[in-house]
Amino acid sequence: MNLLDSWQLWALLSAAFAALTAIFAKIGVEHVNSDFATFIRTVVILCALAAFLFATDQWKPLGSISGRTYFFLLLSGLATGASWVCYFRALKLGNAGQVAPVDKLSVVLVAVFGTLFLAERLSPRNWIGVGFIAVGAVLVAHKS
């Protein structure tokens, strides 16, 4: 199996970049409104992703995508935007080392929502892990 085809590699890279996001964002929102900082970040992401799509010849004609796909990508985009606004506001107000773990409670919520809405099944061992993530996030976020 090619390493670049490994979901585990991409998930670890995602976690590493998410960690850097928290650190860079915390520094970036220090002297600017958090909503404006989110806007700047979004423009950067849009430009970088467009360049990546063109460079790798992955751009698709917009008419080739179904209405259902557009609808759920729209919902996902709105949820992402809301998440980013809330995340940057939390970073503006709190410590990155406490905000990021609470944000990662999304892992717990994905497990619950995946079970409820996507009929995904987790084993008891998986649920124990989800519980540990929840407890760990609370312990890290709790200011001693």
Protein backbone atom coordinates (compact mmCIF):
# COMPACT_ATOMS: atom_id res chain seq x y z
CA MET A 1 0.00 0.00 0.00
CA ASN A 2 1.25 3.44 -0.93
CA LEU A 3 1.83 5.63 2.13
CA LEU A 4 0.03 8.53 0.42
CA ASP A 5 -3.09 6.35 0.21
CA SER A 6 -3.14 5.84 3.99
CA TRP A 7 -5.98 7.56 5.82
CA GLN A 8 -3.88 7.35 8.99
CA LEU A 9 -1.10 9.48 7.47
CA TRP A 10 -3.56 12.13 6.32
CA ALA A 11 -5.35 12.12 9.70
CA LEU A 12 -2.03 12.61 11.54
CA LEU A 13 -1.07 15.42 9.18
CA SER A 14 -4.49 16.97 9.77
CA ALA A 15 -3.91 16.83 13.53
CA ALA A 16 -0.46 18.39 13.18
CA PHE A 17 -1.75 21.21 11.00
CA ALA A 18 -4.73 21.72 13.33
CA ALA A 19 -2.29 22.11 16.22
CA LEU A 20 -0.31 24.69 14.25
CA THR A 21 -3.58 26.40 13.39
CA ALA A 22 -4.31 26.93 17.07
CA ILE A 23 -0.85 28.31 17.80
CA PHE A 24 -0.69 30.59 14.75
CA ALA A 25 -4.29 31.75 15.23
CA LYS A 26 -3.75 32.58 18.91
CA ILE A 27 -0.83 34.82 17.92
CA GLY A 28 -2.76 36.19 14.92
CA VAL A 29 -5.85 37.29 16.87
CA GLU A 30 -3.81 39.11 19.48
CA HIS A 31 -4.24 42.56 17.91
CA VAL A 32 -7.25 42.14 15.61
CA ASN A 33 -10.96 41.37 15.87
CA SER A 34 -11.46 37.59 15.84
CA ASP A 35 -14.16 37.72 13.15
CA PHE A 36 -11.90 39.72 10.82
CA ALA A 37 -9.07 37.27 11.54
CA THR A 38 -11.40 34.43 10.52
CA PHE A 39 -12.18 36.27 7.28
CA ILE A 40 -8.46 36.66 6.46
CA ARG A 41 -7.86 32.98 7.20
CA THR A 42 -10.78 32.01 4.96
CA VAL A 43 -9.47 34.07 2.03
CA VAL A 44 -6.05 32.45 2.41
CA ILE A 45 -7.61 28.97 2.46
CA LEU A 46 -9.75 29.74 -0.59
CA CYS A 47 -6.78 30.98 -2.62
CA ALA A 48 -4.48 28.14 -1.52
CA LEU A 49 -7.06 25.46 -2.26
CA ALA A 50 -7.94 26.94 -5.67
CA ALA A 51 -4.23 26.97 -6.57
CA PHE A 52 -3.89 23.37 -5.38
CA LEU A 53 -6.90 22.22 -7.44
CA PHE A 54 -5.59 23.87 -10.59
CA ALA A 55 -2.01 22.65 -10.04
CA THR A 56 -3.14 19.04 -9.57
CA ASP A 57 -5.77 19.17 -12.35
CA GLN A 58 -8.59 18.30 -9.94
CA TRP A 59 -10.90 21.18 -10.87
CA LYS A 60 -14.35 19.90 -11.87
CA PRO A 61 -17.05 21.59 -13.94
CA LEU A 62 -19.60 22.96 -11.50
CA GLY A 63 -22.44 21.40 -13.53
CA SER A 64 -21.04 17.91 -12.91
CA ILE A 65 -22.03 18.02 -9.24
CA SER A 66 -25.49 16.96 -8.10
CA GLY A 67 -27.91 19.23 -6.28
CA ARG A 68 -27.84 16.94 -3.24
CA THR A 69 -24.06 17.18 -3.11
CA TYR A 70 -24.23 20.98 -3.37
CA PHE A 71 -26.82 21.09 -0.59
CA PHE A 72 -24.73 19.06 1.86
CA LEU A 73 -21.52 20.88 0.94
CA LEU A 74 -23.37 24.15 1.57
CA LEU A 75 -24.44 22.91 5.00
CA SER A 76 -20.90 21.73 5.69
CA GLY A 77 -19.52 25.11 4.64
CA LEU A 78 -21.94 26.95 6.90
CA ALA A 79 -21.04 24.66 9.81
CA THR A 80 -17.33 25.15 9.10
CA GLY A 81 -17.75 28.92 9.03
CA ALA A 82 -19.67 28.90 12.30
CA SER A 83 -17.04 26.63 13.84
CA TRP A 84 -14.20 28.92 12.74
CA VAL A 85 -15.94 32.06 14.04
CA CYS A 86 -16.53 30.39 17.39
CA TYR A 87 -13.00 28.92 17.50
CA PHE A 88 -11.30 32.25 16.79
CA ARG A 89 -13.51 34.00 19.34
CA ALA A 90 -12.60 31.35 21.93
CA LEU A 91 -8.88 31.75 21.10
CA LYS A 92 -9.19 35.52 21.49
CA LEU A 93 -10.65 35.01 24.98
CA GLY A 94 -8.83 31.92 26.24
CA ASN A 95 -5.59 29.97 26.21
CA ALA A 96 -4.85 27.91 23.09
CA GLY A 97 -3.95 24.92 25.28
CA GLN A 98 -7.43 24.97 26.76
CA VAL A 99 -9.48 26.06 23.75
CA ALA A 100 -8.11 23.40 21.37
CA PRO A 101 -9.01 20.39 23.55
CA VAL A 102 -12.57 21.65 24.01
CA ASP A 103 -12.78 22.20 20.25
CA LYS A 104 -11.67 18.58 19.82
CA LEU A 105 -14.80 17.46 21.64
CA SER A 106 -15.99 17.50 18.05
CA VAL A 107 -14.46 14.00 17.90
CA VAL A 108 -16.94 12.88 20.55
CA LEU A 109 -19.81 14.60 18.77
CA VAL A 110 -18.86 13.05 15.42
CA ALA A 111 -19.02 9.60 17.03
CA VAL A 112 -22.48 10.36 18.44
CA PHE A 113 -23.79 12.05 15.26
CA GLY A 114 -22.29 9.33 13.05
CA THR A 115 -24.18 6.75 15.05
CA LEU A 116 -27.43 8.71 15.03
CA PHE A 117 -27.47 10.04 11.46
CA LEU A 118 -25.16 7.81 9.40
CA ALA A 119 -25.92 4.44 10.98
CA GLU A 120 -22.24 3.98 11.80
CA ARG A 121 -21.45 1.49 14.52
CA LEU A 122 -18.69 1.69 17.09
CA SER A 123 -17.56 -1.20 19.24
CA PRO A 124 -17.61 -0.98 23.03
CA ARG A 125 -13.83 -0.47 22.90
CA ASN A 126 -14.36 2.44 20.49
CA TRP A 127 -16.92 4.01 22.83
CA ILE A 128 -14.47 3.70 25.73
CA GLY A 129 -11.95 5.61 23.62
CA VAL A 130 -14.54 8.27 22.83
CA GLY A 131 -15.22 8.54 26.57
CA PHE A 132 -11.51 8.97 27.28
CA ILE A 133 -11.34 11.75 24.69
CA ALA A 134 -14.25 13.52 26.39
CA VAL A 135 -12.76 13.16 29.88
CA GLY A 136 -9.32 14.17 28.61
CA ALA A 137 -10.66 17.31 26.94
CA VAL A 138 -12.46 18.34 30.11
CA LEU A 139 -9.37 17.69 32.27
CA VAL A 140 -7.08 19.68 29.96
CA ALA A 141 -9.56 22.55 29.66
CA HIS A 142 -10.14 22.80 33.40
CA LYS A 143 -8.08 25.66 34.77
CA SER A 144 -6.35 24.57 37.98
